[in-house]
Structures are given as C-alpha cells and as structure tokens.
PDB file of N, CA and C in Angstrom:
ATOM      1  N   UNK A   1      -8.539 -48.031  12.111  1.00  0.00           N
ATOM      2  CA  UNK A   1      -9.313 -47.511  11.001  1.00  0.00           C
ATOM      3  C   UNK A   1     -10.703 -47.154  11.493  1.00  0.00           C
ATOM      4  N   UNK A   2     -11.267 -46.136  10.930  1.00  0.00           N
ATOM      5  CA  UNK A   2     -12.582 -45.676  11.373  1.00  0.00           C
ATOM      6  C   UNK A   2     -13.688 -46.492  10.711  1.00  0.00           C
ATOM      7  N   UNK A   3     -14.873 -46.409  11.330  1.00  0.00           N
ATOM      8  CA  UNK A   3     -16.017 -47.150  10.816  1.00  0.00           C
ATOM      9  C   UNK A   3     -16.809 -46.360   9.787  1.00  0.00           C
ATOM     10  N   UNK A   4     -16.319 -45.174   9.411  1.00  0.00           N
ATOM     11  CA  UNK A   4     -17.041 -44.343   8.446  1.00  0.00           C
ATOM     12  C   UNK A   4     -16.924 -44.934   7.047  1.00  0.00           C
ATOM     13  N   UNK A   5     -17.993 -44.780   6.292  1.00  0.00           N
ATOM     14  CA  UNK A   5     -17.906 -45.183   4.883  1.00  0.00           C
ATOM     15  C   UNK A   5     -16.989 -44.210   4.133  1.00  0.00           C
ATOM     16  N   UNK A   6     -16.382 -44.631   3.054  1.00  0.00           N
ATOM     17  CA  UNK A   6     -15.460 -43.770   2.302  1.00  0.00           C
ATOM     18  C   UNK A   6     -16.086 -42.459   1.843  1.00  0.00           C
ATOM     19  N   UNK A   7     -17.364 -42.466   1.503  1.00  0.00           N
ATOM     20  CA  UNK A   7     -18.024 -41.233   1.053  1.00  0.00           C
ATOM     21  C   UNK A   7     -18.094 -40.204   2.182  1.00  0.00           C
ATOM     22  N   UNK A   8     -18.354 -40.663   3.411  1.00  0.00           N
ATOM     23  CA  UNK A   8     -18.411 -39.738   4.546  1.00  0.00           C
ATOM     24  C   UNK A   8     -17.034 -39.119   4.805  1.00  0.00           C
ATOM     25  N   UNK A   9     -16.009 -39.921   4.705  1.00  0.00           N
ATOM     26  CA  UNK A   9     -14.645 -39.414   4.917  1.00  0.00           C
ATOM     27  C   UNK A   9     -14.270 -38.406   3.832  1.00  0.00           C
ATOM     28  N   UNK A  10     -14.639 -38.700   2.623  1.00  0.00           N
ATOM     29  CA  UNK A  10     -14.363 -37.779   1.516  1.00  0.00           C
ATOM     30  C   UNK A  10     -15.098 -36.459   1.716  1.00  0.00           C
ATOM     31  N   UNK A  11     -16.343 -36.528   2.128  1.00  0.00           N
ATOM     32  CA  UNK A  11     -17.134 -35.322   2.366  1.00  0.00           C
ATOM     33  C   UNK A  11     -16.529 -34.515   3.519  1.00  0.00           C
ATOM     34  N   UNK A  12     -16.105 -35.187   4.588  1.00  0.00           N
ATOM     35  CA  UNK A  12     -15.486 -34.501   5.718  1.00  0.00           C
ATOM     36  C   UNK A  12     -14.216 -33.774   5.287  1.00  0.00           C
ATOM     37  N   UNK A  13     -13.378 -34.440   4.497  1.00  0.00           N
ATOM     38  CA  UNK A  13     -12.145 -33.800   4.010  1.00  0.00           C
ATOM     39  C   UNK A  13     -12.459 -32.619   3.101  1.00  0.00           C
ATOM     40  N   UNK A  14     -13.492 -32.735   2.293  1.00  0.00           N
ATOM     41  CA  UNK A  14     -13.894 -31.645   1.420  1.00  0.00           C
ATOM     42  C   UNK A  14     -14.368 -30.443   2.238  1.00  0.00           C
ATOM     43  N   UNK A  15     -15.156 -30.707   3.259  1.00  0.00           N
ATOM     44  CA  UNK A  15     -15.635 -29.630   4.128  1.00  0.00           C
ATOM     45  C   UNK A  15     -14.452 -28.958   4.828  1.00  0.00           C
ATOM     46  N   UNK A  16     -13.518 -29.732   5.323  1.00  0.00           N
ATOM     47  CA  UNK A  16     -12.333 -29.167   5.978  1.00  0.00           C
ATOM     48  C   UNK A  16     -11.530 -28.297   5.011  1.00  0.00           C
ATOM     49  N   UNK A  17     -11.408 -28.751   3.771  1.00  0.00           N
ATOM     50  CA  UNK A  17     -10.677 -27.975   2.765  1.00  0.00           C
ATOM     51  C   UNK A  17     -11.383 -26.655   2.471  1.00  0.00           C
ATOM     52  N   UNK A  18     -12.701 -26.697   2.366  1.00  0.00           N
ATOM     53  CA  UNK A  18     -13.470 -25.478   2.101  1.00  0.00           C
ATOM     54  C   UNK A  18     -13.345 -24.510   3.283  1.00  0.00           C
ATOM     55  N   UNK A  19     -13.407 -25.024   4.495  1.00  0.00           N
ATOM     56  CA  UNK A  19     -13.265 -24.180   5.681  1.00  0.00           C
ATOM     57  C   UNK A  19     -11.870 -23.544   5.703  1.00  0.00           C
ATOM     58  N   UNK A  20     -10.843 -24.330   5.386  1.00  0.00           N
ATOM     59  CA  UNK A  20      -9.479 -23.799   5.360  1.00  0.00           C
ATOM     60  C   UNK A  20      -9.341 -22.710   4.288  1.00  0.00           C
ATOM     61  N   UNK A  21      -9.914 -22.912   3.130  1.00  0.00           N
ATOM     62  CA  UNK A  21      -9.873 -21.898   2.069  1.00  0.00           C
ATOM     63  C   UNK A  21     -10.615 -20.629   2.489  1.00  0.00           C
ATOM     64  N   UNK A  22     -11.752 -20.800   3.127  1.00  0.00           N
ATOM     65  CA  UNK A  22     -12.516 -19.639   3.583  1.00  0.00           C
ATOM     66  C   UNK A  22     -11.697 -18.833   4.588  1.00  0.00           C
ATOM     67  N   UNK A  23     -11.013 -19.514   5.493  1.00  0.00           N
ATOM     68  CA  UNK A  23     -10.169 -18.817   6.468  1.00  0.00           C
ATOM     69  C   UNK A  23      -9.019 -18.092   5.767  1.00  0.00           C
ATOM     70  N   UNK A  24      -8.411 -18.743   4.791  1.00  0.00           N
ATOM     71  CA  UNK A  24      -7.322 -18.120   4.042  1.00  0.00           C
ATOM     72  C   UNK A  24      -7.808 -16.875   3.312  1.00  0.00           C
ATOM     73  N   UNK A  25      -8.965 -16.966   2.666  1.00  0.00           N
ATOM     74  CA  UNK A  25      -9.527 -15.811   1.961  1.00  0.00           C
ATOM     75  C   UNK A  25      -9.871 -14.682   2.931  1.00  0.00           C
ATOM     76  N   UNK A  26     -10.407 -15.016   4.084  1.00  0.00           N
ATOM     77  CA  UNK A  26     -10.745 -14.006   5.083  1.00  0.00           C
ATOM     78  C   UNK A  26      -9.474 -13.300   5.578  1.00  0.00           C
ATOM     79  N   UNK A  27      -8.428 -14.073   5.849  1.00  0.00           N
ATOM     80  CA  UNK A  27      -7.159 -13.482   6.283  1.00  0.00           C
ATOM     81  C   UNK A  27      -6.576 -12.574   5.202  1.00  0.00           C
ATOM     82  N   UNK A  28      -6.628 -13.015   3.957  1.00  0.00           N
ATOM     83  CA  UNK A  28      -6.127 -12.213   2.846  1.00  0.00           C
ATOM     84  C   UNK A  28      -6.943 -10.929   2.690  1.00  0.00           C
ATOM     85  N   UNK A  29      -8.254 -11.046   2.821  1.00  0.00           N
ATOM     86  CA  UNK A  29      -9.117  -9.867   2.746  1.00  0.00           C
ATOM     87  C   UNK A  29      -8.770  -8.863   3.837  1.00  0.00           C
ATOM     88  N   UNK A  30      -8.577  -9.362   5.055  1.00  0.00           N
ATOM     89  CA  UNK A  30      -8.226  -8.475   6.170  1.00  0.00           C
ATOM     90  C   UNK A  30      -6.892  -7.777   5.922  1.00  0.00           C
ATOM     91  N   UNK A  31      -5.938  -8.515   5.375  1.00  0.00           N
ATOM     92  CA  UNK A  31      -4.635  -7.923   5.063  1.00  0.00           C
ATOM     93  C   UNK A  31      -4.781  -6.848   3.975  1.00  0.00           C
ATOM     94  N   UNK A  32      -5.573  -7.118   2.966  1.00  0.00           N
ATOM     95  CA  UNK A  32      -5.796  -6.136   1.898  1.00  0.00           C
ATOM     96  C   UNK A  32      -6.523  -4.893   2.417  1.00  0.00           C
ATOM     97  N   UNK A  33      -7.447  -5.086   3.337  1.00  0.00           N
ATOM     98  CA  UNK A  33      -8.152  -3.943   3.919  1.00  0.00           C
ATOM     99  C   UNK A  33      -7.169  -3.065   4.689  1.00  0.00           C
ATOM    100  N   UNK A  34      -6.273  -3.694   5.460  1.00  0.00           N
ATOM    101  CA  UNK A  34      -5.277  -2.915   6.199  1.00  0.00           C
ATOM    102  C   UNK A  34      -4.371  -2.151   5.245  1.00  0.00           C
ATOM    103  N   UNK A  35      -3.933  -2.795   4.169  1.00  0.00           N
ATOM    104  CA  UNK A  35      -3.052  -2.132   3.205  1.00  0.00           C
ATOM    105  C   UNK A  35      -3.776  -0.995   2.491  1.00  0.00           C
ATOM    106  N   UNK A  36      -5.033  -1.214   2.128  1.00  0.00           N
ATOM    107  CA  UNK A  36      -5.817  -0.168   1.466  1.00  0.00           C
ATOM    108  C   UNK A  36      -5.982   1.037   2.386  1.00  0.00           C
ATOM    109  N   UNK A  37      -6.252   0.785   3.654  1.00  0.00           N
ATOM    110  CA  UNK A  37      -6.387   1.874   4.616  1.00  0.00           C
ATOM    111  C   UNK A  37      -5.089   2.662   4.710  1.00  0.00           C
ATOM    112  N   UNK A  38      -3.964   1.946   4.736  1.00  0.00           N
ATOM    113  CA  UNK A  38      -2.656   2.600   4.796  1.00  0.00           C
ATOM    114  C   UNK A  38      -2.411   3.441   3.540  1.00  0.00           C
ATOM    115  N   UNK A  39      -2.743   2.909   2.376  1.00  0.00           N
ATOM    116  CA  UNK A  39      -2.557   3.646   1.123  1.00  0.00           C
ATOM    117  C   UNK A  39      -3.461   4.875   1.059  1.00  0.00           C
ATOM    118  N   UNK A  40      -4.691   4.754   1.542  1.00  0.00           N
ATOM    119  CA  UNK A  40      -5.593   5.907   1.560  1.00  0.00           C
ATOM    120  C   UNK A  40      -5.015   7.026   2.419  1.00  0.00           C
ATOM    121  N   UNK A  41      -4.431   6.662   3.568  1.00  0.00           N
ATOM    122  CA  UNK A  41      -3.812   7.670   4.435  1.00  0.00           C
ATOM    123  C   UNK A  41      -2.622   8.326   3.738  1.00  0.00           C
ATOM    124  N   UNK A  42      -1.793   7.525   3.066  1.00  0.00           N
ATOM    125  CA  UNK A  42      -0.641   8.074   2.348  1.00  0.00           C
ATOM    126  C   UNK A  42      -1.093   9.026   1.232  1.00  0.00           C
ATOM    127  N   UNK A  43      -2.155   8.667   0.524  1.00  0.00           N
ATOM    128  CA  UNK A  43      -2.679   9.530  -0.544  1.00  0.00           C
ATOM    129  C   UNK A  43      -3.205  10.829   0.052  1.00  0.00           C
ATOM    130  N   UNK A  44      -3.884  10.747   1.189  1.00  0.00           N
ATOM    131  CA  UNK A  44      -4.408  11.944   1.837  1.00  0.00           C
ATOM    132  C   UNK A  44      -3.261  12.871   2.251  1.00  0.00           C
ATOM    133  N   UNK A  45      -2.193  12.304   2.797  1.00  0.00           N
ATOM    134  CA  UNK A  45      -1.035  13.111   3.195  1.00  0.00           C
ATOM    135  C   UNK A  45      -0.399  13.770   1.976  1.00  0.00           C
ATOM    136  N   UNK A  46      -0.246  13.017   0.896  1.00  0.00           N
ATOM    137  CA  UNK A  46       0.334  13.587  -0.327  1.00  0.00           C
ATOM    138  C   UNK A  46      -0.552  14.694  -0.898  1.00  0.00           C
ATOM    139  N   UNK A  47      -1.847  14.517  -0.841  1.00  0.00           N
ATOM    140  CA  UNK A  47      -2.768  15.547  -1.337  1.00  0.00           C
ATOM    141  C   UNK A  47      -2.655  16.816  -0.504  1.00  0.00           C
ATOM    142  N   UNK A  48      -2.541  16.665   0.802  1.00  0.00           N
ATOM    143  CA  UNK A  48      -2.380  17.833   1.662  1.00  0.00           C
ATOM    144  C   UNK A  48      -1.078  18.568   1.361  1.00  0.00           C
ATOM    145  N   UNK A  49      -0.014  17.802   1.152  1.00  0.00           N
ATOM    146  CA  UNK A  49       1.277  18.418   0.810  1.00  0.00           C
ATOM    147  C   UNK A  49       1.189  19.165  -0.523  1.00  0.00           C
ATOM    148  N   UNK A  50       0.531  18.560  -1.491  1.00  0.00           N
ATOM    149  CA  UNK A  50       0.383  19.195  -2.798  1.00  0.00           C
ATOM    150  C   UNK A  50      -0.424  20.485  -2.675  1.00  0.00           C
ATOM    151  N   UNK A  51      -1.518  20.438  -1.931  1.00  0.00           N
ATOM    152  CA  UNK A  51      -2.324  21.645  -1.719  1.00  0.00           C
ATOM    153  C   UNK A  51      -1.494  22.746  -1.072  1.00  0.00           C
ATOM    154  N   UNK A  52      -0.694  22.362  -0.089  1.00  0.00           N
ATOM    155  CA  UNK A  52       0.137  23.345   0.600  1.00  0.00           C
ATOM    156  C   UNK A  52       1.171  23.949  -0.347  1.00  0.00           C
ATOM    157  N   UNK A  53       1.767  23.135  -1.184  1.00  0.00           N
ATOM    158  CA  UNK A  53       2.750  23.636  -2.144  1.00  0.00           C
ATOM    159  C   UNK A  53       2.106  24.569  -3.159  1.00  0.00           C
ATOM    160  N   UNK A  54       0.906  24.270  -3.570  1.00  0.00           N
ATOM    161  CA  UNK A  54       0.231  25.103  -4.554  1.00  0.00           C
ATOM    162  C   UNK A  54      -0.221  26.425  -3.947  1.00  0.00           C
ATOM    163  N   UNK A  55      -0.514  26.447  -2.651  1.00  0.00           N
ATOM    164  CA  UNK A  55      -0.929  27.685  -1.994  1.00  0.00           C
ATOM    165  C   UNK A  55       0.253  28.579  -1.661  1.00  0.00           C
ATOM    166  N   UNK A  56       1.416  28.002  -1.369  1.00  0.00           N
ATOM    167  CA  UNK A  56       2.590  28.772  -0.970  1.00  0.00           C
ATOM    168  C   UNK A  56       3.475  28.985  -2.182  1.00  0.00           C
ATOM    169  N   UNK A  57       3.594  30.242  -2.634  1.00  0.00           N
ATOM    170  CA  UNK A  57       4.472  30.475  -3.786  1.00  0.00           C
ATOM    171  C   UNK A  57       5.923  30.259  -3.370  1.00  0.00           C
ATOM    172  N   UNK A  58       6.642  29.589  -4.225  1.00  0.00           N
ATOM    173  CA  UNK A  58       8.049  29.324  -3.936  1.00  0.00           C
ATOM    174  C   UNK A  58       8.876  30.560  -4.259  1.00  0.00           C
ATOM    175  N   UNK A  59       9.873  30.787  -3.437  1.00  0.00           N
ATOM    176  CA  UNK A  59      10.802  31.890  -3.698  1.00  0.00           C
ATOM    177  C   UNK A  59      11.627  31.527  -4.925  1.00  0.00           C
ATOM    178  N   UNK A  60      12.004  32.530  -5.659  1.00  0.00           N
ATOM    179  CA  UNK A  60      12.819  32.285  -6.852  1.00  0.00           C
ATOM    180  C   UNK A  60      14.147  31.673  -6.414  1.00  0.00           C
ATOM    181  N   UNK A  61      14.527  30.645  -7.082  1.00  0.00           N
ATOM    182  CA  UNK A  61      15.781  29.988  -6.761  1.00  0.00           C
ATOM    183  C   UNK A  61      16.944  30.833  -7.265  1.00  0.00           C
ATOM    184  N   UNK A  62      18.026  30.926  -6.505  1.00  0.00           N
ATOM    185  CA  UNK A  62      19.177  31.704  -6.975  1.00  0.00           C
ATOM    186  C   UNK A  62      19.782  31.043  -8.198  1.00  0.00           C
ATOM    187  N   UNK A  63      20.465  31.848  -8.965  1.00  0.00           N
ATOM    188  CA  UNK A  63      21.127  31.344 -10.165  1.00  0.00           C
ATOM    189  C   UNK A  63      22.172  30.320  -9.739  1.00  0.00           C
ATOM    190  N   UNK A  64      22.041  29.111 -10.203  1.00  0.00           N
ATOM    191  CA  UNK A  64      22.908  28.028  -9.759  1.00  0.00           C
ATOM    192  C   UNK A  64      24.178  27.906 -10.591  1.00  0.00           C
ATOM    193  N   UNK A  65      24.348  28.775 -11.580  1.00  0.00           N
ATOM    194  CA  UNK A  65      25.546  28.684 -12.410  1.00  0.00           C
ATOM    195  C   UNK A  65      26.775  29.111 -11.607  1.00  0.00           C
ATOM    196  N   UNK A  66      27.889  28.390 -11.757  1.00  0.00           N
ATOM    197  CA  UNK A  66      29.100  28.794 -11.034  1.00  0.00           C
ATOM    198  C   UNK A  66      29.625  30.098 -11.614  1.00  0.00           C
ATOM    199  N   UNK A  67      30.135  30.919 -10.743  1.00  0.00           N
ATOM    200  CA  UNK A  67      30.675  32.199 -11.197  1.00  0.00           C
ATOM    201  C   UNK A  67      32.065  32.005 -11.768  1.00  0.00           C
ATOM    202  N   UNK A  68      32.361  32.826 -12.756  1.00  0.00           N
ATOM    203  CA  UNK A  68      33.680  32.797 -13.386  1.00  0.00           C
ATOM    204  C   UNK A  68      34.620  33.600 -12.497  1.00  0.00           C
ATOM    205  N   UNK A  69      35.640  32.954 -11.905  1.00  0.00           N
ATOM    206  CA  UNK A  69      36.527  33.672 -10.982  1.00  0.00           C
ATOM    207  C   UNK A  69      37.325  34.770 -11.695  1.00  0.00           C
ATOM    208  N   UNK A  70      37.440  34.725 -13.026  1.00  0.00           N
ATOM    209  CA  UNK A  70      38.209  35.724 -13.754  1.00  0.00           C
ATOM    210  C   UNK A  70      37.407  36.996 -14.014  1.00  0.00           C
ATOM    211  N   UNK A  71      36.105  36.929 -13.828  1.00  0.00           N
ATOM    212  CA  UNK A  71      35.271  38.110 -14.079  1.00  0.00           C
ATOM    213  C   UNK A  71      35.154  38.914 -12.795  1.00  0.00           C
ATOM    214  N   UNK A  72      35.211  40.199 -12.950  1.00  0.00           N
ATOM    215  CA  UNK A  72      35.006  41.076 -11.803  1.00  0.00           C
ATOM    216  C   UNK A  72      33.592  41.597 -11.840  1.00  0.00           C
ATOM    217  N   UNK A  73      32.995  41.799 -10.689  1.00  0.00           N
ATOM    218  CA  UNK A  73      31.622  42.323 -10.704  1.00  0.00           C
ATOM    219  C   UNK A  73      31.594  43.703 -11.306  1.00  0.00           C
ATOM    220  N   UNK A  74      30.556  43.999 -12.059  1.00  0.00           N
ATOM    221  CA  UNK A  74      30.485  45.300 -12.697  1.00  0.00           C
ATOM    222  C   UNK A  74      29.733  46.300 -11.900  1.00  0.00           C
TER     223      UNK A  74
END
C-alpha cells in the first residue's frame, strides 16, 4: 500500500481521468476533421459534375416506347 493520503490518490485518479478524456476528445476531433475534409472534397467533386452537366446540353433521348411489330413504317 502506498503512503499517500486518500485525498492525494483521489486527486491523482481524477487528473488521470481528465487526461484520458482530453485524449479521447482530441482523437475524436481529429477523426471528425478527417471526415469533414473528405466530405468537402466529395461536395466539390459533385459541384464540378453538376456544373459540367449544366454547361453540356444533353442530346434528346430516343423514344423509348417499344415498336408495334404489326405496324409498318409509313
């Protein structure tokens, strides 16, 4: 058993807990920063694609209706 008074041991454990929480929060913050950076890049890519689609007129799509085999072309 240690020679420390109970109050010193309690304070030491409290400090260790606070340090552990600070490390956990820092790790979580770093992870969120990485995810935010990734999302910003994805948004930028989507914005570029949207701009490109708006600048390039799409060709008219062919009529997708199936042709009636009994009809002859006129």
